[in-house]
PDB file of N, CA and C in Angstrom:
ATOM      1  N   UNK A   1       8.106  19.486   9.179  1.00  0.00           N
ATOM      2  CA  UNK A   1       7.792  18.958  10.485  1.00  0.00           C
ATOM      3  C   UNK A   1       8.535  19.768  11.526  1.00  0.00           C
ATOM      4  N   UNK A   2       7.852  20.198  12.555  1.00  0.00           N
ATOM      5  CA  UNK A   2       8.500  20.878  13.664  1.00  0.00           C
ATOM      6  C   UNK A   2       9.191  19.844  14.525  1.00  0.00           C
ATOM      7  N   UNK A   3      10.515  19.739  14.385  1.00  0.00           N
ATOM      8  CA  UNK A   3      11.220  18.683  15.097  1.00  0.00           C
ATOM      9  C   UNK A   3      11.940  19.220  16.327  1.00  0.00           C
ATOM     10  N   UNK A   4      11.546  20.368  16.777  1.00  0.00           N
ATOM     11  CA  UNK A   4      12.215  20.962  17.915  1.00  0.00           C
ATOM     12  C   UNK A   4      11.643  20.418  19.214  1.00  0.00           C
ATOM     13  N   UNK A   5      12.512  20.338  20.183  1.00  0.00           N
ATOM     14  CA  UNK A   5      12.085  19.916  21.506  1.00  0.00           C
ATOM     15  C   UNK A   5      11.671  21.133  22.304  1.00  0.00           C
ATOM     16  N   UNK A   6      10.583  20.994  23.006  1.00  0.00           N
ATOM     17  CA  UNK A   6      10.135  22.045  23.910  1.00  0.00           C
ATOM     18  C   UNK A   6      10.196  21.483  25.315  1.00  0.00           C
ATOM     19  N   UNK A   7      11.109  22.022  26.141  1.00  0.00           N
ATOM     20  CA  UNK A   7      11.291  21.532  27.500  1.00  0.00           C
ATOM     21  C   UNK A   7      11.554  20.030  27.529  1.00  0.00           C
ATOM     22  N   UNK A   8      12.365  19.557  26.597  1.00  0.00           N
ATOM     23  CA  UNK A   8      12.711  18.146  26.556  1.00  0.00           C
ATOM     24  C   UNK A   8      11.644  17.251  25.956  1.00  0.00           C
ATOM     25  N   UNK A   9      10.567  17.836  25.413  1.00  0.00           N
ATOM     26  CA  UNK A   9       9.480  17.053  24.824  1.00  0.00           C
ATOM     27  C   UNK A   9       9.306  17.444  23.366  1.00  0.00           C
ATOM     28  N   UNK A  10       8.705  16.554  22.601  1.00  0.00           N
ATOM     29  CA  UNK A  10       8.436  16.847  21.199  1.00  0.00           C
ATOM     30  C   UNK A  10       7.425  17.983  21.082  1.00  0.00           C
ATOM     31  N   UNK A  11       7.605  18.802  20.063  1.00  0.00           N
ATOM     32  CA  UNK A  11       6.664  19.893  19.826  1.00  0.00           C
ATOM     33  C   UNK A  11       5.318  19.331  19.375  1.00  0.00           C
ATOM     34  N   UNK A  12       4.278  20.128  19.467  1.00  0.00           N
ATOM     35  CA  UNK A  12       2.947  19.713  19.026  1.00  0.00           C
ATOM     36  C   UNK A  12       2.938  19.402  17.533  1.00  0.00           C
ATOM     37  N   UNK A  13       3.682  20.195  16.737  1.00  0.00           N
ATOM     38  CA  UNK A  13       3.773  19.931  15.295  1.00  0.00           C
ATOM     39  C   UNK A  13       4.372  18.552  15.037  1.00  0.00           C
ATOM     40  N   UNK A  14       5.412  18.236  15.757  1.00  0.00           N
ATOM     41  CA  UNK A  14       6.080  16.948  15.586  1.00  0.00           C
ATOM     42  C   UNK A  14       5.146  15.812  16.006  1.00  0.00           C
ATOM     43  N   UNK A  15       4.428  15.982  17.097  1.00  0.00           N
ATOM     44  CA  UNK A  15       3.475  14.967  17.544  1.00  0.00           C
ATOM     45  C   UNK A  15       2.386  14.750  16.501  1.00  0.00           C
ATOM     46  N   UNK A  16       1.883  15.832  15.909  1.00  0.00           N
ATOM     47  CA  UNK A  16       0.852  15.720  14.869  1.00  0.00           C
ATOM     48  C   UNK A  16       1.400  15.000  13.639  1.00  0.00           C
ATOM     49  N   UNK A  17       2.643  15.308  13.306  1.00  0.00           N
ATOM     50  CA  UNK A  17       3.279  14.666  12.158  1.00  0.00           C
ATOM     51  C   UNK A  17       3.418  13.159  12.400  1.00  0.00           C
ATOM     52  N   UNK A  18       3.891  12.773  13.574  1.00  0.00           N
ATOM     53  CA  UNK A  18       4.018  11.357  13.921  1.00  0.00           C
ATOM     54  C   UNK A  18       2.655  10.669  13.918  1.00  0.00           C
ATOM     55  N   UNK A  19       1.636  11.347  14.397  1.00  0.00           N
ATOM     56  CA  UNK A  19       0.281  10.793  14.411  1.00  0.00           C
ATOM     57  C   UNK A  19      -0.194  10.555  12.980  1.00  0.00           C
ATOM     58  N   UNK A  20       0.080  11.499  12.089  1.00  0.00           N
ATOM     59  CA  UNK A  20      -0.312  11.357  10.688  1.00  0.00           C
ATOM     60  C   UNK A  20       0.403  10.165  10.042  1.00  0.00           C
ATOM     61  N   UNK A  21       1.680   9.992  10.348  1.00  0.00           N
ATOM     62  CA  UNK A  21       2.424   8.841   9.833  1.00  0.00           C
ATOM     63  C   UNK A  21       1.820   7.553  10.381  1.00  0.00           C
ATOM     64  N   UNK A  22       1.497   7.545  11.649  1.00  0.00           N
ATOM     65  CA  UNK A  22       0.883   6.373  12.274  1.00  0.00           C
ATOM     66  C   UNK A  22      -0.460   6.043  11.613  1.00  0.00           C
ATOM     67  N   UNK A  23      -1.245   7.062  11.302  1.00  0.00           N
ATOM     68  CA  UNK A  23      -2.523   6.850  10.618  1.00  0.00           C
ATOM     69  C   UNK A  23      -2.307   6.212   9.243  1.00  0.00           C
ATOM     70  N   UNK A  24      -1.298   6.680   8.531  1.00  0.00           N
ATOM     71  CA  UNK A  24      -0.974   6.117   7.216  1.00  0.00           C
ATOM     72  C   UNK A  24      -0.552   4.661   7.349  1.00  0.00           C
ATOM     73  N   UNK A  25       0.307   4.378   8.326  1.00  0.00           N
ATOM     74  CA  UNK A  25       0.750   3.004   8.545  1.00  0.00           C
ATOM     75  C   UNK A  25      -0.411   2.097   8.914  1.00  0.00           C
ATOM     76  N   UNK A  26      -1.373   2.611   9.655  1.00  0.00           N
ATOM     77  CA  UNK A  26      -2.545   1.816  10.029  1.00  0.00           C
ATOM     78  C   UNK A  26      -3.311   1.382   8.777  1.00  0.00           C
ATOM     79  N   UNK A  27      -3.514   2.303   7.845  1.00  0.00           N
ATOM     80  CA  UNK A  27      -4.262   1.992   6.627  1.00  0.00           C
ATOM     81  C   UNK A  27      -3.451   1.078   5.718  1.00  0.00           C
ATOM     82  N   UNK A  28      -2.152   1.311   5.606  1.00  0.00           N
ATOM     83  CA  UNK A  28      -1.296   0.519   4.714  1.00  0.00           C
ATOM     84  C   UNK A  28      -0.630  -0.636   5.456  1.00  0.00           C
ATOM     85  N   UNK A  29      -1.244  -1.069   6.534  1.00  0.00           N
ATOM     86  CA  UNK A  29      -0.727  -2.111   7.407  1.00  0.00           C
ATOM     87  C   UNK A  29      -0.229  -3.337   6.646  1.00  0.00           C
ATOM     88  N   UNK A  30       1.009  -3.683   6.866  1.00  0.00           N
ATOM     89  CA  UNK A  30       1.567  -4.891   6.274  1.00  0.00           C
ATOM     90  C   UNK A  30       1.930  -4.720   4.814  1.00  0.00           C
ATOM     91  N   UNK A  31       2.615  -5.715   4.311  1.00  0.00           N
ATOM     92  CA  UNK A  31       3.097  -5.632   2.936  1.00  0.00           C
ATOM     93  C   UNK A  31       2.004  -5.876   1.917  1.00  0.00           C
ATOM     94  N   UNK A  32       0.972  -6.625   2.256  1.00  0.00           N
ATOM     95  CA  UNK A  32      -0.029  -6.990   1.263  1.00  0.00           C
ATOM     96  C   UNK A  32      -0.827  -5.795   0.773  1.00  0.00           C
ATOM     97  N   UNK A  33      -1.241  -4.932   1.662  1.00  0.00           N
ATOM     98  CA  UNK A  33      -2.055  -3.779   1.251  1.00  0.00           C
ATOM     99  C   UNK A  33      -1.317  -2.921   0.237  1.00  0.00           C
ATOM    100  N   UNK A  34      -0.071  -2.642   0.524  1.00  0.00           N
ATOM    101  CA  UNK A  34       0.726  -1.802  -0.373  1.00  0.00           C
ATOM    102  C   UNK A  34       0.886  -2.480  -1.732  1.00  0.00           C
ATOM    103  N   UNK A  35       1.146  -3.774  -1.735  1.00  0.00           N
ATOM    104  CA  UNK A  35       1.318  -4.495  -2.997  1.00  0.00           C
ATOM    105  C   UNK A  35       0.016  -4.557  -3.795  1.00  0.00           C
ATOM    106  N   UNK A  36      -1.105  -4.745  -3.108  1.00  0.00           N
ATOM    107  CA  UNK A  36      -2.405  -4.771  -3.791  1.00  0.00           C
ATOM    108  C   UNK A  36      -2.695  -3.409  -4.403  1.00  0.00           C
ATOM    109  N   UNK A  37      -2.465  -2.350  -3.659  1.00  0.00           N
ATOM    110  CA  UNK A  37      -2.696  -0.993  -4.164  1.00  0.00           C
ATOM    111  C   UNK A  37      -1.794  -0.727  -5.369  1.00  0.00           C
ATOM    112  N   UNK A  38      -0.532  -1.100  -5.258  1.00  0.00           N
ATOM    113  CA  UNK A  38       0.401  -0.901  -6.372  1.00  0.00           C
ATOM    114  C   UNK A  38      -0.047  -1.692  -7.602  1.00  0.00           C
ATOM    115  N   UNK A  39      -0.536  -2.891  -7.391  1.00  0.00           N
ATOM    116  CA  UNK A  39      -1.013  -3.729  -8.491  1.00  0.00           C
ATOM    117  C   UNK A  39      -2.232  -3.096  -9.164  1.00  0.00           C
ATOM    118  N   UNK A  40      -3.148  -2.592  -8.366  1.00  0.00           N
ATOM    119  CA  UNK A  40      -4.374  -1.993  -8.911  1.00  0.00           C
ATOM    120  C   UNK A  40      -4.135  -0.613  -9.524  1.00  0.00           C
ATOM    121  N   UNK A  41      -2.967  -0.040  -9.279  1.00  0.00           N
ATOM    122  CA  UNK A  41      -2.658   1.275  -9.849  1.00  0.00           C
ATOM    123  C   UNK A  41      -2.636   1.229 -11.373  1.00  0.00           C
ATOM    124  N   UNK A  42      -2.397   0.050 -11.932  1.00  0.00           N
ATOM    125  CA  UNK A  42      -2.358  -0.075 -13.390  1.00  0.00           C
ATOM    126  C   UNK A  42      -3.729  -0.384 -13.992  1.00  0.00           C
ATOM    127  N   UNK A  43      -4.744  -0.477 -13.149  1.00  0.00           N
ATOM    128  CA  UNK A  43      -6.095  -0.699 -13.658  1.00  0.00           C
ATOM    129  C   UNK A  43      -6.836  -1.807 -12.928  1.00  0.00           C
ATOM    130  N   UNK A  44      -8.085  -2.005 -13.326  1.00  0.00           N
ATOM    131  CA  UNK A  44      -8.940  -3.023 -12.717  1.00  0.00           C
ATOM    132  C   UNK A  44      -8.306  -4.400 -12.816  1.00  0.00           C
ATOM    133  N   UNK A  45      -8.541  -5.186 -11.788  1.00  0.00           N
ATOM    134  CA  UNK A  45      -8.059  -6.567 -11.790  1.00  0.00           C
ATOM    135  C   UNK A  45      -9.136  -7.462 -11.195  1.00  0.00           C
ATOM    136  N   UNK A  46      -9.183  -8.671 -11.700  1.00  0.00           N
ATOM    137  CA  UNK A  46     -10.062  -9.688 -11.139  1.00  0.00           C
ATOM    138  C   UNK A  46      -9.347 -10.361  -9.974  1.00  0.00           C
ATOM    139  N   UNK A  47     -10.130 -11.016  -9.142  1.00  0.00           N
ATOM    140  CA  UNK A  47      -9.589 -11.663  -7.940  1.00  0.00           C
ATOM    141  C   UNK A  47      -8.429 -12.603  -8.276  1.00  0.00           C
ATOM    142  N   UNK A  48      -8.631 -13.490  -9.222  1.00  0.00           N
ATOM    143  CA  UNK A  48      -7.581 -14.456  -9.557  1.00  0.00           C
ATOM    144  C   UNK A  48      -6.344 -13.788 -10.157  1.00  0.00           C
ATOM    145  N   UNK A  49      -6.541 -12.691 -10.867  1.00  0.00           N
ATOM    146  CA  UNK A  49      -5.387 -11.933 -11.386  1.00  0.00           C
ATOM    147  C   UNK A  49      -4.561 -11.395 -10.228  1.00  0.00           C
ATOM    148  N   UNK A  50      -5.249 -10.822  -9.242  1.00  0.00           N
ATOM    149  CA  UNK A  50      -4.555 -10.288  -8.072  1.00  0.00           C
ATOM    150  C   UNK A  50      -3.790 -11.386  -7.345  1.00  0.00           C
ATOM    151  N   UNK A  51      -4.439 -12.521  -7.183  1.00  0.00           N
ATOM    152  CA  UNK A  51      -3.790 -13.630  -6.484  1.00  0.00           C
ATOM    153  C   UNK A  51      -2.540 -14.091  -7.227  1.00  0.00           C
ATOM    154  N   UNK A  52      -2.585 -14.083  -8.553  1.00  0.00           N
ATOM    155  CA  UNK A  52      -1.437 -14.494  -9.357  1.00  0.00           C
ATOM    156  C   UNK A  52      -0.314 -13.443  -9.309  1.00  0.00           C
ATOM    157  N   UNK A  53      -0.685 -12.174  -9.400  1.00  0.00           N
ATOM    158  CA  UNK A  53       0.311 -11.099  -9.470  1.00  0.00           C
ATOM    159  C   UNK A  53       0.979 -10.844  -8.117  1.00  0.00           C
ATOM    160  N   UNK A  54       0.194 -10.849  -7.040  1.00  0.00           N
ATOM    161  CA  UNK A  54       0.735 -10.594  -5.703  1.00  0.00           C
ATOM    162  C   UNK A  54       1.272 -11.923  -5.166  1.00  0.00           C
ATOM    163  N   UNK A  55       2.493 -12.212  -5.516  1.00  0.00           N
ATOM    164  CA  UNK A  55       3.107 -13.499  -5.194  1.00  0.00           C
ATOM    165  C   UNK A  55       3.173 -13.741  -3.691  1.00  0.00           C
ATOM    166  N   UNK A  56       2.762 -14.955  -3.311  1.00  0.00           N
ATOM    167  CA  UNK A  56       2.884 -15.362  -1.918  1.00  0.00           C
ATOM    168  C   UNK A  56       1.636 -15.149  -1.079  1.00  0.00           C
ATOM    169  N   UNK A  57       0.665 -14.416  -1.584  1.00  0.00           N
ATOM    170  CA  UNK A  57      -0.548 -14.165  -0.803  1.00  0.00           C
ATOM    171  C   UNK A  57      -1.525 -15.321  -1.026  1.00  0.00           C
ATOM    172  N   UNK A  58      -2.092 -15.798   0.062  1.00  0.00           N
ATOM    173  CA  UNK A  58      -3.075 -16.867  -0.024  1.00  0.00           C
ATOM    174  C   UNK A  58      -4.467 -16.312  -0.249  1.00  0.00           C
ATOM    175  N   UNK A  59      -5.413 -17.151  -0.645  1.00  0.00           N
ATOM    176  CA  UNK A  59      -6.766 -16.682  -0.931  1.00  0.00           C
ATOM    177  C   UNK A  59      -7.463 -16.042   0.264  1.00  0.00           C
ATOM    178  N   UNK A  60      -7.285 -16.611   1.453  1.00  0.00           N
ATOM    179  CA  UNK A  60      -7.940 -16.037   2.642  1.00  0.00           C
ATOM    180  C   UNK A  60      -7.379 -14.658   2.967  1.00  0.00           C
ATOM    181  N   UNK A  61      -6.058 -14.531   2.882  1.00  0.00           N
ATOM    182  CA  UNK A  61      -5.418 -13.241   3.178  1.00  0.00           C
ATOM    183  C   UNK A  61      -5.798 -12.201   2.128  1.00  0.00           C
ATOM    184  N   UNK A  62      -5.852 -12.604   0.861  1.00  0.00           N
ATOM    185  CA  UNK A  62      -6.241 -11.673  -0.192  1.00  0.00           C
ATOM    186  C   UNK A  62      -7.663 -11.174   0.044  1.00  0.00           C
ATOM    187  N   UNK A  63      -8.563 -12.072   0.356  1.00  0.00           N
ATOM    188  CA  UNK A  63      -9.952 -11.672   0.634  1.00  0.00           C
ATOM    189  C   UNK A  63     -10.023 -10.714   1.812  1.00  0.00           C
ATOM    190  N   UNK A  64      -9.292 -11.031   2.863  1.00  0.00           N
ATOM    191  CA  UNK A  64      -9.273 -10.176   4.063  1.00  0.00           C
ATOM    192  C   UNK A  64      -8.755  -8.774   3.728  1.00  0.00           C
ATOM    193  N   UNK A  65      -7.647  -8.718   2.994  1.00  0.00           N
ATOM    194  CA  UNK A  65      -7.057  -7.420   2.640  1.00  0.00           C
ATOM    195  C   UNK A  65      -7.963  -6.629   1.703  1.00  0.00           C
ATOM    196  N   UNK A  66      -8.571  -7.292   0.733  1.00  0.00           N
ATOM    197  CA  UNK A  66      -9.490  -6.601  -0.177  1.00  0.00           C
ATOM    198  C   UNK A  66     -10.680  -6.032   0.594  1.00  0.00           C
ATOM    199  N   UNK A  67     -11.220  -6.795   1.526  1.00  0.00           N
ATOM    200  CA  UNK A  67     -12.327  -6.300   2.351  1.00  0.00           C
ATOM    201  C   UNK A  67     -11.904  -5.078   3.159  1.00  0.00           C
ATOM    202  N   UNK A  68     -10.723  -5.143   3.751  1.00  0.00           N
ATOM    203  CA  UNK A  68     -10.222  -4.029   4.567  1.00  0.00           C
ATOM    204  C   UNK A  68      -9.992  -2.778   3.724  1.00  0.00           C
ATOM    205  N   UNK A  69      -9.415  -2.966   2.534  1.00  0.00           N
ATOM    206  CA  UNK A  69      -9.181  -1.826   1.648  1.00  0.00           C
ATOM    207  C   UNK A  69     -10.503  -1.222   1.166  1.00  0.00           C
ATOM    208  N   UNK A  70     -11.487  -2.062   0.911  1.00  0.00           N
ATOM    209  CA  UNK A  70     -12.801  -1.561   0.507  1.00  0.00           C
ATOM    210  C   UNK A  70     -13.463  -0.805   1.654  1.00  0.00           C
ATOM    211  N   UNK A  71     -13.372  -1.348   2.848  1.00  0.00           N
ATOM    212  CA  UNK A  71     -13.941  -0.704   4.036  1.00  0.00           C
ATOM    213  C   UNK A  71     -13.333   0.679   4.271  1.00  0.00           C
ATOM    214  N   UNK A  72     -12.050   0.821   3.946  1.00  0.00           N
ATOM    215  CA  UNK A  72     -11.353   2.100   4.140  1.00  0.00           C
ATOM    216  C   UNK A  72     -11.461   3.027   2.935  1.00  0.00           C
ATOM    217  N   UNK A  73     -12.276   2.662   1.957  1.00  0.00           N
ATOM    218  CA  UNK A  73     -12.527   3.542   0.825  1.00  0.00           C
ATOM    219  C   UNK A  73     -11.405   3.625  -0.189  1.00  0.00           C
ATOM    220  N   UNK A  74     -10.535   2.612  -0.207  1.00  0.00           N
ATOM    221  CA  UNK A  74      -9.401   2.651  -1.127  1.00  0.00           C
ATOM    222  C   UNK A  74      -9.647   1.872  -2.416  1.00  0.00           C
ATOM    223  N   UNK A  75     -10.555   0.905  -2.375  1.00  0.00           N
ATOM    224  CA  UNK A  75     -10.888   0.154  -3.586  1.00  0.00           C
ATOM    225  C   UNK A  75     -12.395  -0.003  -3.699  1.00  0.00           C
ATOM    226  N   UNK A  76     -12.848  -0.261  -4.921  1.00  0.00           N
ATOM    227  CA  UNK A  76     -14.245  -0.613  -5.147  1.00  0.00           C
ATOM    228  C   UNK A  76     -14.283  -2.029  -5.688  1.00  0.00           C
ATOM    229  N   UNK A  77     -15.358  -2.689  -5.382  1.00  0.00           N
ATOM    230  CA  UNK A  77     -15.572  -4.075  -5.798  1.00  0.00           C
ATOM    231  C   UNK A  77     -16.793  -4.088  -6.700  1.00  0.00           C
ATOM    232  N   UNK A  78     -16.636  -4.607  -7.905  1.00  0.00           N
ATOM    233  CA  UNK A  78     -17.750  -4.673  -8.861  1.00  0.00           C
ATOM    234  C   UNK A  78     -18.022  -6.131  -9.207  1.00  0.00           C
ATOM    235  N   UNK A  79     -19.283  -6.526  -9.048  1.00  0.00           N
ATOM    236  CA  UNK A  79     -19.696  -7.879  -9.407  1.00  0.00           C
ATOM    237  C   UNK A  79     -20.286  -7.818 -10.803  1.00  0.00           C
ATOM    238  N   UNK A  80     -19.674  -8.550 -11.726  1.00  0.00           N
ATOM    239  CA  UNK A  80     -20.136  -8.571 -13.110  1.00  0.00           C
ATOM    240  C   UNK A  80     -21.134  -9.708 -13.298  1.00  0.00           C
ATOM    241  N   UNK A  81     -22.141  -9.455 -14.084  1.00  0.00           N
ATOM    242  CA  UNK A  81     -23.191 -10.452 -14.330  1.00  0.00           C
ATOM    243  C   UNK A  81     -22.743 -11.442 -15.393  1.00  0.00           C
ATOM    244  N   UNK A  82     -21.787 -12.256 -15.041  1.00  0.00           N
ATOM    245  CA  UNK A  82     -21.275 -13.292 -15.937  1.00  0.00           C
ATOM    246  C   UNK A  82     -21.530 -14.647 -15.292  1.00  0.00           C
ATOM    247  N   UNK A  83     -21.322 -15.685 -16.062  1.00  0.00           N
ATOM    248  CA  UNK A  83     -21.420 -17.047 -15.518  1.00  0.00           C
ATOM    249  C   UNK A  83     -20.087 -17.727 -15.744  1.00  0.00           C
ATOM    250  N   UNK A  84     -19.353 -18.109 -14.731  1.00  0.00           N
ATOM    251  CA  UNK A  84     -19.624 -17.810 -13.336  1.00  0.00           C
ATOM    252  C   UNK A  84     -19.441 -16.323 -13.041  1.00  0.00           C
ATOM    253  N   UNK A  85     -19.939 -15.915 -11.890  1.00  0.00           N
ATOM    254  CA  UNK A  85     -19.863 -14.505 -11.491  1.00  0.00           C
ATOM    255  C   UNK A  85     -18.397 -14.073 -11.429  1.00  0.00           C
ATOM    256  N   UNK A  86     -18.114 -12.901 -11.970  1.00  0.00           N
ATOM    257  CA  UNK A  86     -16.766 -12.335 -11.961  1.00  0.00           C
ATOM    258  C   UNK A  86     -16.763 -11.096 -11.080  1.00  0.00           C
ATOM    259  N   UNK A  87     -15.719 -10.947 -10.279  1.00  0.00           N
ATOM    260  CA  UNK A  87     -15.574  -9.782  -9.413  1.00  0.00           C
ATOM    261  C   UNK A  87     -14.312  -9.038  -9.822  1.00  0.00           C
ATOM    262  N   UNK A  88     -14.450  -7.728 -10.009  1.00  0.00           N
ATOM    263  CA  UNK A  88     -13.303  -6.877 -10.342  1.00  0.00           C
ATOM    264  C   UNK A  88     -13.076  -5.873  -9.223  1.00  0.00           C
ATOM    265  N   UNK A  89     -11.816  -5.540  -9.030  1.00  0.00           N
ATOM    266  CA  UNK A  89     -11.414  -4.562  -8.025  1.00  0.00           C
ATOM    267  C   UNK A  89     -10.704  -3.418  -8.723  1.00  0.00           C
ATOM    268  N   UNK A  90     -10.921  -2.222  -8.173  1.00  0.00           N
ATOM    269  CA  UNK A  90     -10.338  -1.022  -8.778  1.00  0.00           C
ATOM    270  C   UNK A  90     -10.049  -0.012  -7.674  1.00  0.00           C
ATOM    271  N   UNK A  91      -8.979   0.751  -7.859  1.00  0.00           N
ATOM    272  CA  UNK A  91      -8.672   1.816  -6.902  1.00  0.00           C
ATOM    273  C   UNK A  91      -9.715   2.924  -6.993  1.00  0.00           C
ATOM    274  N   UNK A  92     -10.021   3.508  -5.856  1.00  0.00           N
ATOM    275  CA  UNK A  92     -10.872   4.701  -5.849  1.00  0.00           C
ATOM    276  C   UNK A  92     -10.003   5.910  -6.188  1.00  0.00           C
ATOM    277  N   UNK A  93     -10.648   7.002  -6.499  1.00  0.00           N
ATOM    278  CA  UNK A  93      -9.909   8.238  -6.760  1.00  0.00           C
ATOM    279  C   UNK A  93      -9.099   8.625  -5.521  1.00  0.00           C
ATOM    280  N   UNK A  94      -9.674   8.398  -4.355  1.00  0.00           N
ATOM    281  CA  UNK A  94      -8.995   8.675  -3.083  1.00  0.00           C
ATOM    282  C   UNK A  94      -7.694   7.871  -2.984  1.00  0.00           C
ATOM    283  N   UNK A  95      -7.741   6.598  -3.343  1.00  0.00           N
ATOM    284  CA  UNK A  95      -6.541   5.755  -3.278  1.00  0.00           C
ATOM    285  C   UNK A  95      -5.490   6.209  -4.280  1.00  0.00           C
ATOM    286  N   UNK A  96      -5.923   6.779  -5.382  1.00  0.00           N
ATOM    287  CA  UNK A  96      -4.962   7.253  -6.386  1.00  0.00           C
ATOM    288  C   UNK A  96      -4.076   8.376  -5.831  1.00  0.00           C
ATOM    289  N   UNK A  97      -4.534   9.035  -4.765  1.00  0.00           N
ATOM    290  CA  UNK A  97      -3.706  10.070  -4.134  1.00  0.00           C
ATOM    291  C   UNK A  97      -2.468   9.459  -3.473  1.00  0.00           C
ATOM    292  N   UNK A  98      -2.438   8.127  -3.328  1.00  0.00           N
ATOM    293  CA  UNK A  98      -1.264   7.441  -2.778  1.00  0.00           C
ATOM    294  C   UNK A  98      -0.162   7.230  -3.815  1.00  0.00           C
ATOM    295  N   UNK A  99      -0.435   7.528  -5.080  1.00  0.00           N
ATOM    296  CA  UNK A  99       0.537   7.275  -6.148  1.00  0.00           C
ATOM    297  C   UNK A  99       1.920   7.882  -5.866  1.00  0.00           C
ATOM    298  N   UNK A 100       2.008   9.149  -5.456  1.00  0.00           N
ATOM    299  CA  UNK A 100       3.350   9.689  -5.177  1.00  0.00           C
ATOM    300  C   UNK A 100       4.086   8.907  -4.080  1.00  0.00           C
ATOM    301  N   UNK A 101       3.353   8.469  -3.077  1.00  0.00           N
ATOM    302  CA  UNK A 101       3.954   7.678  -2.006  1.00  0.00           C
ATOM    303  C   UNK A 101       4.437   6.334  -2.541  1.00  0.00           C
ATOM    304  N   UNK A 102       3.616   5.670  -3.353  1.00  0.00           N
ATOM    305  CA  UNK A 102       3.996   4.383  -3.938  1.00  0.00           C
ATOM    306  C   UNK A 102       5.210   4.548  -4.859  1.00  0.00           C
ATOM    307  N   UNK A 103       5.207   5.601  -5.665  1.00  0.00           N
ATOM    308  CA  UNK A 103       6.347   5.862  -6.556  1.00  0.00           C
ATOM    309  C   UNK A 103       7.623   6.074  -5.755  1.00  0.00           C
ATOM    310  N   UNK A 104       7.520   6.850  -4.688  1.00  0.00           N
ATOM    311  CA  UNK A 104       8.688   7.131  -3.853  1.00  0.00           C
ATOM    312  C   UNK A 104       9.186   5.858  -3.164  1.00  0.00           C
ATOM    313  N   UNK A 105       8.264   5.021  -2.706  1.00  0.00           N
ATOM    314  CA  UNK A 105       8.654   3.751  -2.087  1.00  0.00           C
ATOM    315  C   UNK A 105       9.385   2.871  -3.102  1.00  0.00           C
ATOM    316  N   UNK A 106       8.881   2.839  -4.344  1.00  0.00           N
ATOM    317  CA  UNK A 106       9.532   2.053  -5.381  1.00  0.00           C
ATOM    318  C   UNK A 106      10.927   2.569  -5.696  1.00  0.00           C
ATOM    319  N   UNK A 107      11.071   3.874  -5.793  1.00  0.00           N
ATOM    320  CA  UNK A 107      12.375   4.484  -6.072  1.00  0.00           C
ATOM    321  C   UNK A 107      13.357   4.186  -4.942  1.00  0.00           C
ATOM    322  N   UNK A 108      12.907   4.392  -3.703  1.00  0.00           N
ATOM    323  CA  UNK A 108      13.776   4.134  -2.558  1.00  0.00           C
ATOM    324  C   UNK A 108      14.163   2.663  -2.499  1.00  0.00           C
ATOM    325  N   UNK A 109      13.205   1.768  -2.721  1.00  0.00           N
ATOM    326  CA  UNK A 109      13.478   0.336  -2.680  1.00  0.00           C
ATOM    327  C   UNK A 109      14.504  -0.088  -3.718  1.00  0.00           C
ATOM    328  N   UNK A 110      14.391   0.477  -4.915  1.00  0.00           N
ATOM    329  CA  UNK A 110      15.352   0.163  -5.980  1.00  0.00           C
ATOM    330  C   UNK A 110      16.754   0.633  -5.591  1.00  0.00           C
ATOM    331  N   UNK A 111      16.852   1.865  -5.080  1.00  0.00           N
ATOM    332  CA  UNK A 111      18.147   2.402  -4.665  1.00  0.00           C
ATOM    333  C   UNK A 111      18.735   1.578  -3.523  1.00  0.00           C
ATOM    334  N   UNK A 112      17.887   1.177  -2.589  1.00  0.00           N
ATOM    335  CA  UNK A 112      18.361   0.392  -1.448  1.00  0.00           C
ATOM    336  C   UNK A 112      18.892  -0.962  -1.913  1.00  0.00           C
ATOM    337  N   UNK A 113      18.145  -1.620  -2.805  1.00  0.00           N
ATOM    338  CA  UNK A 113      18.586  -2.920  -3.315  1.00  0.00           C
ATOM    339  C   UNK A 113      19.946  -2.784  -4.013  1.00  0.00           C
ATOM    340  N   UNK A 114      20.092  -1.748  -4.845  1.00  0.00           N
ATOM    341  CA  UNK A 114      21.361  -1.529  -5.550  1.00  0.00           C
ATOM    342  C   UNK A 114      22.495  -1.278  -4.564  1.00  0.00           C
ATOM    343  N   UNK A 115      22.224  -0.511  -3.511  1.00  0.00           N
ATOM    344  CA  UNK A 115      23.227  -0.209  -2.489  1.00  0.00           C
ATOM    345  C   UNK A 115      23.674  -1.487  -1.786  1.00  0.00           C
ATOM    346  N   UNK A 116      22.727  -2.306  -1.387  1.00  0.00           N
ATOM    347  CA  UNK A 116      23.042  -3.544  -0.667  1.00  0.00           C
ATOM    348  C   UNK A 116      23.822  -4.498  -1.568  1.00  0.00           C
ATOM    349  N   UNK A 117      23.405  -4.635  -2.831  1.00  0.00           N
ATOM    350  CA  UNK A 117      24.129  -5.518  -3.754  1.00  0.00           C
ATOM    351  C   UNK A 117      25.554  -5.019  -3.971  1.00  0.00           C
ATOM    352  N   UNK A 118      25.713  -3.714  -4.129  1.00  0.00           N
ATOM    353  CA  UNK A 118      27.043  -3.126  -4.324  1.00  0.00           C
ATOM    354  C   UNK A 118      27.925  -3.376  -3.102  1.00  0.00           C
ATOM    355  N   UNK A 119      27.362  -3.194  -1.907  1.00  0.00           N
ATOM    356  CA  UNK A 119      28.135  -3.413  -0.673  1.00  0.00           C
ATOM    357  C   UNK A 119      28.512  -4.878  -0.510  1.00  0.00           C
ATOM    358  N   UNK A 120      27.618  -5.777  -0.879  1.00  0.00           N
ATOM    359  CA  UNK A 120      27.912  -7.211  -0.765  1.00  0.00           C
ATOM    360  C   UNK A 120      28.993  -7.617  -1.761  1.00  0.00           C
ATOM    361  N   UNK A 121      28.958  -7.039  -2.949  1.00  0.00           N
ATOM    362  CA  UNK A 121      29.954  -7.359  -3.975  1.00  0.00           C
ATOM    363  C   UNK A 121      31.332  -6.832  -3.566  1.00  0.00           C
ATOM    364  N   UNK A 122      31.358  -5.763  -2.786  1.00  0.00           N
ATOM    365  CA  UNK A 122      32.629  -5.162  -2.379  1.00  0.00           C
ATOM    366  C   UNK A 122      33.316  -5.974  -1.282  1.00  0.00           C
ATOM    367  N   UNK A 123      32.616  -6.892  -0.671  1.00  0.00           N
ATOM    368  CA  UNK A 123      33.205  -7.685   0.429  1.00  0.00           C
ATOM    369  C   UNK A 123      34.115  -8.753  -0.059  1.00  0.00           C
TER     370      UNK A 123
END
């Protein structure tokens, strides 16, 4: 990232970089999207499985997030011809490109939790 100031202003490279980060945050808006994507990274899941695994999410919010992720090309929704009808969700190949980001977030989160616990224990 070009982080240099030009005449007291951010460089064009830096502005583009910030815009790209903002675009990513827009797609991964909120904690639910990231958790749903991380959950689906291990394979197809049915609606009720997702609701059970993603603790704390209500049915309306899950439906809203799944619709948004599908609209943005990150998941596919398959309706199975069963009785009752079963719906499965799966990451698209495009969404799988988020794996390094998800892995890095998990690594950072683990390190942060350990740091905070260590600091609290030292008090």
